[in-house]
Amino acid sequence: MSRTLEGMTSPEPPVELWVDDHQEYEPGVVHAHLRHARLPIDPRPGDYLVVGDDDAPPVLAEVLSRAADGELRLRLLPGRPDSHAEFRTRRHPTAV
């Protein structure tokens, strides 16, 4: 939870994809797999996902690439997901 200007708390956005943020392959870039999705998603490069693990608050990540086997390369953005304009204007990559 985080504090808003009114002193109320707002819930963290739900995690859509579990990632291990300690497995950076280059600064700010992690690999993840669609089998770790917390809900049905069908992301494409350029989409934004809320990602996280069990030990850290969720963050927003840009999908850089997607392999045919479901592996994703993601760029993690610092701060709360809802602190980014991309969070409010993003396409929701839900599966069909």
Protein backbone atom coordinates (compact mmCIF):
# COMPACT_ATOMS: atom_id res chain seq x y z
CA MET A 1 0.00 0.00 0.00
CA SER A 2 1.10 3.55 -0.56
CA ARG A 3 -0.09 6.89 0.77
CA THR A 4 -2.00 9.37 -1.34
CA LEU A 5 -2.13 13.11 -0.80
CA GLU A 6 -5.28 12.79 1.29
CA GLY A 7 -3.54 10.41 3.70
CA MET A 8 -5.55 7.45 2.43
CA THR A 9 -3.84 4.33 1.18
CA SER A 10 -4.22 2.96 -2.31
CA PRO A 11 -3.67 -0.71 -3.14
CA GLU A 12 -0.75 -1.79 -5.27
CA PRO A 13 -1.85 -2.77 -8.80
CA PRO A 14 -2.11 -6.56 -9.13
CA VAL A 15 0.92 -8.40 -10.50
CA GLU A 16 0.24 -9.75 -13.99
CA LEU A 17 3.54 -11.60 -14.43
CA TRP A 18 5.96 -12.99 -11.85
CA VAL A 19 9.61 -12.10 -12.51
CA ASP A 20 12.84 -12.58 -10.61
CA ASP A 21 14.15 -9.02 -10.57
CA HIS A 22 17.52 -10.24 -9.26
CA GLN A 23 18.24 -11.97 -12.59
CA GLU A 24 19.20 -8.88 -14.61
CA TYR A 25 20.95 -9.76 -17.86
CA GLU A 26 21.75 -6.14 -18.58
CA PRO A 27 20.99 -3.07 -16.44
CA GLY A 28 17.24 -2.84 -15.89
CA VAL A 29 16.43 -5.74 -18.23
CA VAL A 30 15.16 -9.13 -17.05
CA HIS A 31 13.90 -12.26 -18.75
CA ALA A 32 10.57 -13.81 -17.80
CA HIS A 33 8.30 -16.50 -19.18
CA LEU A 34 4.57 -16.47 -19.89
CA ARG A 35 4.14 -19.66 -17.85
CA HIS A 36 4.62 -17.39 -14.80
CA ALA A 37 1.64 -15.17 -15.70
CA ARG A 38 -0.76 -14.61 -12.83
CA LEU A 39 -3.65 -14.11 -15.28
CA PRO A 40 -4.12 -14.85 -18.98
CA ILE A 41 -2.03 -12.36 -20.97
CA ASP A 42 -0.87 -12.09 -24.56
CA PRO A 43 1.78 -9.32 -24.50
CA ARG A 44 3.52 -7.89 -27.55
CA PRO A 45 6.69 -5.80 -27.77
CA GLY A 46 5.83 -2.28 -26.71
CA ASP A 47 3.17 -3.38 -24.19
CA TYR A 48 3.51 -2.61 -20.49
CA LEU A 49 2.93 -5.19 -17.75
CA VAL A 50 2.77 -4.99 -13.97
CA VAL A 51 5.45 -7.42 -12.79
CA GLY A 52 6.80 -8.48 -9.45
CA ASP A 53 7.91 -11.24 -7.16
CA ASP A 54 7.00 -12.27 -3.64
CA ASP A 55 9.69 -10.11 -1.98
CA ALA A 56 9.30 -6.72 -3.67
CA PRO A 57 6.49 -4.34 -4.59
CA PRO A 58 5.25 -4.53 -8.18
CA VAL A 59 6.77 -2.36 -10.92
CA LEU A 60 5.85 -1.51 -14.48
CA ALA A 61 7.85 -3.22 -17.23
CA GLU A 62 8.02 -2.60 -20.96
CA VAL A 63 7.96 -5.72 -23.14
CA LEU A 64 11.08 -5.50 -25.33
CA SER A 65 10.73 -8.83 -27.09
CA ARG A 66 8.76 -12.05 -27.06
CA ALA A 67 10.06 -15.39 -28.28
CA ALA A 68 7.84 -18.08 -29.83
CA ASP A 69 8.31 -20.25 -26.69
CA GLY A 70 6.87 -17.50 -24.44
CA GLU A 71 10.12 -16.03 -23.14
CA LEU A 72 9.95 -12.26 -22.64
CA ARG A 73 12.64 -9.61 -22.33
CA LEU A 74 11.41 -6.81 -20.08
CA ARG A 75 12.77 -3.38 -19.13
CA LEU A 76 11.85 -2.61 -15.51
CA LEU A 77 10.75 0.96 -14.79
CA PRO A 78 11.48 2.40 -11.33
CA GLY A 79 8.73 3.37 -8.90
CA ARG A 80 5.12 2.34 -8.50
CA PRO A 81 3.41 1.14 -11.68
CA ASP A 82 0.71 3.80 -11.40
CA SER A 83 3.33 6.58 -11.17
CA HIS A 84 3.99 6.20 -14.92
CA ALA A 85 1.82 7.71 -17.66
CA GLU A 86 2.23 4.43 -19.59
CA PHE A 87 0.33 2.60 -16.84
CA ARG A 88 -2.76 4.76 -17.37
CA THR A 89 -2.67 4.67 -21.19
CA ARG A 90 -1.42 1.12 -21.80
CA ARG A 91 -3.08 -1.55 -23.87
CA HIS A 92 -4.20 -4.39 -21.61
CA PRO A 93 -2.58 -7.49 -23.14
CA THR A 94 -5.25 -10.01 -22.17
CA ALA A 95 -5.38 -13.40 -23.84
CA VAL A 96 -8.30 -14.24 -26.07
